[in-house]
Amino acid sequence: MQEKKGIARFIDHTLLKPTATREDIRALCREAREYRCAAVCVQPVFVSMCSDLLQDSGVAVATVVGFPFGTAKPEVKAFEAARAVEDGAVEVDMVASIGEILAGNYAAVQKDIEAVVAAVAGRALVKVIIETAYLNKEQIAETSRRVQAAGADFVKTSTGYGPRGASAEDIRTIRAAVGPDFGIKASGGISNYAKAQEMLAAGATRLGASAAAAIIAGEDAWE
């Protein structure tokens, strides 16, 4: 089997549909291992299984917290994150409190993120989903700065359940807010190689996608 060394290393191969079965998740892990993806991203109930399936593969196990609406209390998100790490997750994609962002209550937003960061400190990366489709540029920029100040590792654009996914403009806005070295995960609507390349060119450092096979096939065709 030929090892993938290109775009696959940026991809979190993702399956978060409520209809996903254990066999679907096994297939996801097989593909992620074959493609050499950065991670799989699954619902918390599947973390233990993925951790076992991907042991020594180099593919990380990521899960979601407060998903998909971000409306759980900070202590609930923190517990969910800590339990996911106990089950084998090494990356946690939490949903920020979108209503608090829209209300301009950034102190509450930051505290919400800090609770999850503290719960997994030193054990997992934290990516914060800010659902950019609901926000204007100023809200995206300020929320991104709060994510950084809270000690998280990435700003992530979307859950996939909002009115749209990532855009290059969103990524550029986030990058301008957080500087050159902070993690940015573009997610939502990345279904082909051209779109993936657009996100990376705009400043993304990770891609969340359920279409890893199509993206990688596009890379192979382009090469």
C-alpha atoms as a PDB file:
ATOM      1  CA  MET A   1       0.000   0.000   0.000  1.00  0.00           C
ATOM      2  CA  GLN A   2       1.389   3.380  -0.991  1.00  0.00           C
ATOM      3  CA  GLU A   3       1.628   5.821   1.905  1.00  0.00           C
ATOM      4  CA  LYS A   4      -0.102   9.156   1.399  1.00  0.00           C
ATOM      5  CA  LYS A   5       2.195  12.053   2.229  1.00  0.00           C
ATOM      6  CA  GLY A   6       0.268  14.997   0.780  1.00  0.00           C
ATOM      7  CA  ILE A   7      -3.032  16.554   1.709  1.00  0.00           C
ATOM      8  CA  ALA A   8      -4.198  13.595   3.810  1.00  0.00           C
ATOM      9  CA  ARG A   9      -1.942  14.697   6.673  1.00  0.00           C
ATOM     10  CA  PHE A  10      -4.127  17.814   7.080  1.00  0.00           C
ATOM     11  CA  ILE A  11      -7.458  15.976   7.140  1.00  0.00           C
ATOM     12  CA  ASP A  12      -9.585  14.994  10.130  1.00  0.00           C
ATOM     13  CA  HIS A  13     -11.606  12.207   8.494  1.00  0.00           C
ATOM     14  CA  THR A  14     -15.024  12.909   9.958  1.00  0.00           C
ATOM     15  CA  LEU A  15     -18.274  11.065  10.579  1.00  0.00           C
ATOM     16  CA  LEU A  16     -20.645  12.805  12.976  1.00  0.00           C
ATOM     17  CA  LYS A  17     -24.033  11.871  11.524  1.00  0.00           C
ATOM     18  CA  PRO A  18     -26.511  10.581  14.091  1.00  0.00           C
ATOM     19  CA  THR A  19     -27.176   7.602  11.817  1.00  0.00           C
ATOM     20  CA  ALA A  20     -23.561   6.368  11.925  1.00  0.00           C
ATOM     21  CA  THR A  21     -23.226   2.731  12.944  1.00  0.00           C
ATOM     22  CA  ARG A  22     -20.254   0.908  14.413  1.00  0.00           C
ATOM     23  CA  GLU A  23     -19.570  -0.644  11.036  1.00  0.00           C
ATOM     24  CA  ASP A  24     -19.522   2.851   9.489  1.00  0.00           C
ATOM     25  CA  ILE A  25     -16.981   3.920  12.105  1.00  0.00           C
ATOM     26  CA  ARG A  26     -14.837   0.847  11.447  1.00  0.00           C
ATOM     27  CA  ALA A  27     -14.801   1.779   7.760  1.00  0.00           C
ATOM     28  CA  LEU A  28     -13.862   5.353   8.652  1.00  0.00           C
ATOM     29  CA  CYS A  29     -10.907   4.115  10.695  1.00  0.00           C
ATOM     30  CA  ARG A  30      -9.774   1.758   7.927  1.00  0.00           C
ATOM     31  CA  GLU A  31      -9.797   4.631   5.450  1.00  0.00           C
ATOM     32  CA  ALA A  32      -8.024   7.007   7.833  1.00  0.00           C
ATOM     33  CA  ARG A  33      -5.311   4.444   8.434  1.00  0.00           C
ATOM     34  CA  GLU A  34      -4.933   3.768   4.705  1.00  0.00           C
ATOM     35  CA  TYR A  35      -4.802   7.448   3.739  1.00  0.00           C
ATOM     36  CA  ARG A  36      -2.628   8.441   6.750  1.00  0.00           C
ATOM     37  CA  CYS A  37      -5.058  11.155   7.818  1.00  0.00           C
ATOM     38  CA  ALA A  38      -4.259  13.454  10.732  1.00  0.00           C
ATOM     39  CA  ALA A  39      -7.213  12.157  12.746  1.00  0.00           C
ATOM     40  CA  VAL A  40     -10.672  10.698  12.755  1.00  0.00           C
ATOM     41  CA  CYS A  41     -13.397  12.846  14.293  1.00  0.00           C
ATOM     42  CA  VAL A  42     -16.319  10.910  15.753  1.00  0.00           C
ATOM     43  CA  GLN A  43     -19.079  11.186  18.324  1.00  0.00           C
ATOM     44  CA  PRO A  44     -17.992  10.468  21.925  1.00  0.00           C
ATOM     45  CA  VAL A  45     -19.702   7.069  22.012  1.00  0.00           C
ATOM     46  CA  PHE A  46     -17.232   5.787  19.404  1.00  0.00           C
ATOM     47  CA  VAL A  47     -13.998   7.096  20.938  1.00  0.00           C
ATOM     48  CA  SER A  48     -12.981   3.917  22.746  1.00  0.00           C
ATOM     49  CA  MET A  49     -13.520   1.802  19.648  1.00  0.00           C
ATOM     50  CA  CYS A  50     -11.526   4.184  17.447  1.00  0.00           C
ATOM     51  CA  SER A  51      -8.727   4.325  19.994  1.00  0.00           C
ATOM     52  CA  ASP A  52      -8.432   0.543  19.822  1.00  0.00           C
ATOM     53  CA  LEU A  53      -8.700   0.375  16.039  1.00  0.00           C
ATOM     54  CA  LEU A  54      -6.131   3.111  15.450  1.00  0.00           C
ATOM     55  CA  GLN A  55      -3.586   2.130  18.063  1.00  0.00           C
ATOM     56  CA  ASP A  56      -0.020   2.649  16.757  1.00  0.00           C
ATOM     57  CA  SER A  57      -1.379   3.923  13.421  1.00  0.00           C
ATOM     58  CA  GLY A  58      -0.261   7.541  13.748  1.00  0.00           C
ATOM     59  CA  VAL A  59      -3.895   8.635  13.264  1.00  0.00           C
ATOM     60  CA  ALA A  60      -5.254  10.641  16.196  1.00  0.00           C
ATOM     61  CA  VAL A  61      -8.708  10.195  17.691  1.00  0.00           C
ATOM     62  CA  ALA A  62     -10.751  13.391  17.943  1.00  0.00           C
ATOM     63  CA  THR A  63     -14.245  13.830  19.280  1.00  0.00           C
ATOM     64  CA  VAL A  64     -16.815  16.577  19.748  1.00  0.00           C
ATOM     65  CA  VAL A  65     -18.043  18.287  22.916  1.00  0.00           C
ATOM     66  CA  GLY A  66     -21.204  20.355  23.319  1.00  0.00           C
ATOM     67  CA  PHE A  67     -22.062  19.289  19.799  1.00  0.00           C
ATOM     68  CA  PRO A  68     -23.679  20.573  17.655  1.00  0.00           C
ATOM     69  CA  PHE A  69     -25.180  23.664  19.324  1.00  0.00           C
ATOM     70  CA  GLY A  70     -22.745  24.600  22.100  1.00  0.00           C
ATOM     71  CA  THR A  71     -25.555  25.187  24.591  1.00  0.00           C
ATOM     72  CA  ALA A  72     -24.426  22.901  27.418  1.00  0.00           C
ATOM     73  CA  LYS A  73     -23.071  24.491  30.591  1.00  0.00           C
ATOM     74  CA  PRO A  74     -19.268  24.864  30.857  1.00  0.00           C
ATOM     75  CA  GLU A  75     -19.016  22.233  33.597  1.00  0.00           C
ATOM     76  CA  VAL A  76     -20.939  19.756  31.432  1.00  0.00           C
ATOM     77  CA  LYS A  77     -18.650  20.383  28.479  1.00  0.00           C
ATOM     78  CA  ALA A  78     -15.656  19.996  30.759  1.00  0.00           C
ATOM     79  CA  PHE A  79     -16.922  16.651  32.056  1.00  0.00           C
ATOM     80  CA  GLU A  80     -17.662  15.444  28.528  1.00  0.00           C
ATOM     81  CA  ALA A  81     -14.169  16.430  27.407  1.00  0.00           C
ATOM     82  CA  ALA A  82     -12.454  14.762  30.349  1.00  0.00           C
ATOM     83  CA  ARG A  83     -14.423  11.552  29.854  1.00  0.00           C
ATOM     84  CA  ALA A  84     -13.547  11.528  26.146  1.00  0.00           C
ATOM     85  CA  VAL A  85      -9.861  11.741  27.028  1.00  0.00           C
ATOM     86  CA  GLU A  86     -10.256   8.854  29.456  1.00  0.00           C
ATOM     87  CA  ASP A  87     -11.746   6.872  26.553  1.00  0.00           C
ATOM     88  CA  GLY A  88      -8.739   7.623  24.346  1.00  0.00           C
ATOM     89  CA  ALA A  89      -9.401  10.934  22.595  1.00  0.00           C
ATOM     90  CA  VAL A  90      -6.329  13.110  22.118  1.00  0.00           C
ATOM     91  CA  GLU A  91      -8.163  15.953  20.382  1.00  0.00           C
ATOM     92  CA  VAL A  92     -11.406  17.613  21.477  1.00  0.00           C
ATOM     93  CA  ASP A  93     -13.507  19.777  19.150  1.00  0.00           C
ATOM     94  CA  MET A  94     -15.816  21.800  21.413  1.00  0.00           C
ATOM     95  CA  VAL A  95     -18.630  24.059  20.282  1.00  0.00           C
ATOM     96  CA  ALA A  96     -18.461  27.555  21.721  1.00  0.00           C
ATOM     97  CA  SER A  97     -21.514  29.287  23.180  1.00  0.00           C
ATOM     98  CA  ILE A  98     -22.816  30.827  19.963  1.00  0.00           C
ATOM     99  CA  GLY A  99     -25.595  32.785  21.656  1.00  0.00           C
ATOM    100  CA  GLU A 100     -23.101  34.420  23.994  1.00  0.00           C
ATOM    101  CA  ILE A 101     -20.941  35.383  21.022  1.00  0.00           C
ATOM    102  CA  LEU A 102     -23.902  36.983  19.283  1.00  0.00           C
ATOM    103  CA  ALA A 103     -24.767  38.806  22.516  1.00  0.00           C
ATOM    104  CA  GLY A 104     -21.224  40.151  22.760  1.00  0.00           C
ATOM    105  CA  ASN A 105     -20.642  38.372  26.080  1.00  0.00           C
ATOM    106  CA  TYR A 106     -17.081  37.387  25.292  1.00  0.00           C
ATOM    107  CA  ALA A 107     -16.083  36.914  28.921  1.00  0.00           C
ATOM    108  CA  ALA A 108     -18.602  34.066  29.171  1.00  0.00           C
ATOM    109  CA  VAL A 109     -17.371  32.627  25.882  1.00  0.00           C
ATOM    110  CA  GLN A 110     -13.795  32.613  27.151  1.00  0.00           C
ATOM    111  CA  LYS A 111     -14.750  31.023  30.485  1.00  0.00           C
ATOM    112  CA  ASP A 112     -16.631  28.281  28.644  1.00  0.00           C
ATOM    113  CA  ILE A 113     -13.524  27.454  26.629  1.00  0.00           C
ATOM    114  CA  GLU A 114     -11.238  27.701  29.648  1.00  0.00           C
ATOM    115  CA  ALA A 115     -13.314  25.053  31.441  1.00  0.00           C
ATOM    116  CA  VAL A 116     -12.664  22.528  28.685  1.00  0.00           C
ATOM    117  CA  VAL A 117      -9.001  23.480  28.337  1.00  0.00           C
ATOM    118  CA  ALA A 118      -8.504  22.956  32.077  1.00  0.00           C
ATOM    119  CA  ALA A 119     -10.325  19.620  32.003  1.00  0.00           C
ATOM    120  CA  VAL A 120      -7.959  18.138  29.415  1.00  0.00           C
ATOM    121  CA  ALA A 121      -4.805  20.128  30.132  1.00  0.00           C
ATOM    122  CA  GLY A 122      -1.713  18.378  28.816  1.00  0.00           C
ATOM    123  CA  ARG A 123      -3.733  15.410  27.569  1.00  0.00           C
ATOM    124  CA  ALA A 124      -5.536  16.625  24.456  1.00  0.00           C
ATOM    125  CA  LEU A 125      -5.600  19.419  21.920  1.00  0.00           C
ATOM    126  CA  VAL A 126      -8.655  21.662  22.074  1.00  0.00           C
ATOM    127  CA  LYS A 127     -10.272  22.982  18.909  1.00  0.00           C
ATOM    128  CA  VAL A 128     -13.071  25.513  19.370  1.00  0.00           C
ATOM    129  CA  ILE A 129     -15.922  25.591  16.860  1.00  0.00           C
ATOM    130  CA  ILE A 130     -17.219  29.143  16.524  1.00  0.00           C
ATOM    131  CA  GLU A 131     -19.801  28.554  13.729  1.00  0.00           C
ATOM    132  CA  THR A 132     -18.637  31.372  11.497  1.00  0.00           C
ATOM    133  CA  ALA A 133     -21.777  31.278   9.337  1.00  0.00           C
ATOM    134  CA  TYR A 134     -23.682  33.078  12.097  1.00  0.00           C
ATOM    135  CA  LEU A 135     -21.027  35.730  12.708  1.00  0.00           C
ATOM    136  CA  ASN A 136     -19.790  38.912  11.062  1.00  0.00           C
ATOM    137  CA  LYS A 137     -16.085  39.579  10.564  1.00  0.00           C
ATOM    138  CA  GLU A 138     -15.713  41.516  13.806  1.00  0.00           C
ATOM    139  CA  GLN A 139     -17.370  38.730  15.804  1.00  0.00           C
ATOM    140  CA  ILE A 140     -15.196  36.100  14.112  1.00  0.00           C
ATOM    141  CA  ALA A 141     -12.042  38.070  14.895  1.00  0.00           C
ATOM    142  CA  GLU A 142     -12.881  38.792  18.544  1.00  0.00           C
ATOM    143  CA  THR A 143     -14.059  35.244  19.213  1.00  0.00           C
ATOM    144  CA  SER A 144     -10.861  33.893  17.674  1.00  0.00           C
ATOM    145  CA  ARG A 145      -8.800  36.080  19.971  1.00  0.00           C
ATOM    146  CA  ARG A 146     -10.785  34.774  22.938  1.00  0.00           C
ATOM    147  CA  VAL A 147     -10.168  31.178  21.852  1.00  0.00           C
ATOM    148  CA  GLN A 148      -6.451  31.917  21.812  1.00  0.00           C
ATOM    149  CA  ALA A 149      -6.543  33.721  25.155  1.00  0.00           C
ATOM    150  CA  ALA A 150      -8.403  30.791  26.738  1.00  0.00           C
ATOM    151  CA  GLY A 151      -5.498  28.460  25.999  1.00  0.00           C
ATOM    152  CA  ALA A 152      -7.078  26.381  23.238  1.00  0.00           C
ATOM    153  CA  ASP A 153      -5.061  25.113  20.286  1.00  0.00           C
ATOM    154  CA  PHE A 154      -7.277  25.745  17.258  1.00  0.00           C
ATOM    155  CA  VAL A 155     -10.140  27.870  16.026  1.00  0.00           C
ATOM    156  CA  LYS A 156     -12.525  25.718  13.989  1.00  0.00           C
ATOM    157  CA  THR A 157     -15.051  27.248  11.609  1.00  0.00           C
ATOM    158  CA  SER A 158     -18.120  25.052  11.605  1.00  0.00           C
ATOM    159  CA  THR A 159     -20.072  22.092  12.943  1.00  0.00           C
ATOM    160  CA  GLY A 160     -21.513  21.165   9.562  1.00  0.00           C
ATOM    161  CA  TYR A 161     -24.978  21.838  10.973  1.00  0.00           C
ATOM    162  CA  GLY A 162     -25.019  25.603  10.384  1.00  0.00           C
ATOM    163  CA  PRO A 163     -26.291  27.390   7.286  1.00  0.00           C
ATOM    164  CA  ARG A 164     -22.936  27.055   5.540  1.00  0.00           C
ATOM    165  CA  GLY A 165     -19.465  25.686   6.032  1.00  0.00           C
ATOM    166  CA  ALA A 166     -16.036  27.271   5.863  1.00  0.00           C
ATOM    167  CA  SER A 167     -15.044  30.027   3.483  1.00  0.00           C
ATOM    168  CA  ALA A 168     -11.625  31.329   2.547  1.00  0.00           C
ATOM    169  CA  GLU A 169     -12.677  34.739   3.862  1.00  0.00           C
ATOM    170  CA  ASP A 170     -13.463  33.214   7.266  1.00  0.00           C
ATOM    171  CA  ILE A 171     -10.028  31.605   7.378  1.00  0.00           C
ATOM    172  CA  ARG A 172      -8.264  34.840   6.445  1.00  0.00           C
ATOM    173  CA  THR A 173     -10.210  36.721   9.130  1.00  0.00           C
ATOM    174  CA  ILE A 174      -9.260  34.168  11.773  1.00  0.00           C
ATOM    175  CA  ARG A 175      -5.620  34.120  10.678  1.00  0.00           C
ATOM    176  CA  ALA A 176      -5.392  37.910  10.902  1.00  0.00           C
ATOM    177  CA  ALA A 177      -6.807  37.755  14.441  1.00  0.00           C
ATOM    178  CA  VAL A 178      -4.644  34.956  15.863  1.00  0.00           C
ATOM    179  CA  GLY A 179      -1.340  35.500  14.076  1.00  0.00           C
ATOM    180  CA  PRO A 180       0.766  33.179  11.943  1.00  0.00           C
ATOM    181  CA  ASP A 181       1.308  30.206  14.246  1.00  0.00           C
ATOM    182  CA  PHE A 182      -2.065  29.361  15.796  1.00  0.00           C
ATOM    183  CA  GLY A 183      -4.087  26.353  14.600  1.00  0.00           C
ATOM    184  CA  ILE A 184      -7.061  26.854  12.316  1.00  0.00           C
ATOM    185  CA  LYS A 185      -9.371  24.033  11.295  1.00  0.00           C
ATOM    186  CA  ALA A 186     -11.569  24.654   8.264  1.00  0.00           C
ATOM    187  CA  SER A 187     -14.632  22.438   8.264  1.00  0.00           C
ATOM    188  CA  GLY A 188     -17.965  22.228   6.517  1.00  0.00           C
ATOM    189  CA  GLY A 189     -18.442  21.884   2.777  1.00  0.00           C
ATOM    190  CA  ILE A 190     -14.895  20.762   1.942  1.00  0.00           C
ATOM    191  CA  SER A 191     -15.748  18.069  -0.568  1.00  0.00           C
ATOM    192  CA  ASN A 192     -12.981  18.161  -3.172  1.00  0.00           C
ATOM    193  CA  TYR A 193      -9.277  18.799  -3.585  1.00  0.00           C
ATOM    194  CA  ALA A 194      -9.692  22.315  -5.005  1.00  0.00           C
ATOM    195  CA  LYS A 195     -11.740  23.451  -2.004  1.00  0.00           C
ATOM    196  CA  ALA A 196      -9.270  21.857   0.393  1.00  0.00           C
ATOM    197  CA  GLN A 197      -6.371  23.640  -1.285  1.00  0.00           C
ATOM    198  CA  GLU A 198      -8.277  26.920  -1.117  1.00  0.00           C
ATOM    199  CA  MET A 199      -8.669  26.549   2.640  1.00  0.00           C
ATOM    200  CA  LEU A 200      -5.002  25.714   3.159  1.00  0.00           C
ATOM    201  CA  ALA A 201      -3.899  28.618   0.969  1.00  0.00           C
ATOM    202  CA  ALA A 202      -6.067  30.960   3.051  1.00  0.00           C
ATOM    203  CA  GLY A 203      -4.291  29.885   6.232  1.00  0.00           C
ATOM    204  CA  ALA A 204      -5.954  26.709   7.536  1.00  0.00           C
ATOM    205  CA  THR A 205      -3.679  24.149   9.179  1.00  0.00           C
ATOM    206  CA  ARG A 206      -6.252  21.362   9.485  1.00  0.00           C
ATOM    207  CA  LEU A 207      -9.295  20.310   7.442  1.00  0.00           C
ATOM    208  CA  GLY A 208     -12.430  18.637   8.756  1.00  0.00           C
ATOM    209  CA  ALA A 209     -14.046  16.579   6.020  1.00  0.00           C
ATOM    210  CA  SER A 210     -16.197  13.520   5.506  1.00  0.00           C
ATOM    211  CA  ALA A 211     -15.026  13.400   1.890  1.00  0.00           C
ATOM    212  CA  ALA A 212     -11.397  12.427   2.486  1.00  0.00           C
ATOM    213  CA  ALA A 213     -11.479   9.855  -0.307  1.00  0.00           C
ATOM    214  CA  ALA A 214     -12.683  12.389  -2.874  1.00  0.00           C
ATOM    215  CA  ILE A 215     -10.195  15.015  -1.726  1.00  0.00           C
ATOM    216  CA  ILE A 216      -7.262  12.616  -1.926  1.00  0.00           C
ATOM    217  CA  ALA A 217      -8.440  11.266  -5.277  1.00  0.00           C
ATOM    218  CA  GLY A 218      -8.467  14.836  -6.533  1.00  0.00           C
ATOM    219  CA  GLU A 219      -4.898  15.296  -5.382  1.00  0.00           C
ATOM    220  CA  ASP A 220      -3.876  12.120  -7.203  1.00  0.00           C
ATOM    221  CA  ALA A 221      -5.618  13.338 -10.373  1.00  0.00           C
ATOM    222  CA  TRP A 222      -3.966  16.750 -10.130  1.00  0.00           C
ATOM    223  CA  GLU A 223      -0.531  15.177  -9.680  1.00  0.00           C
END
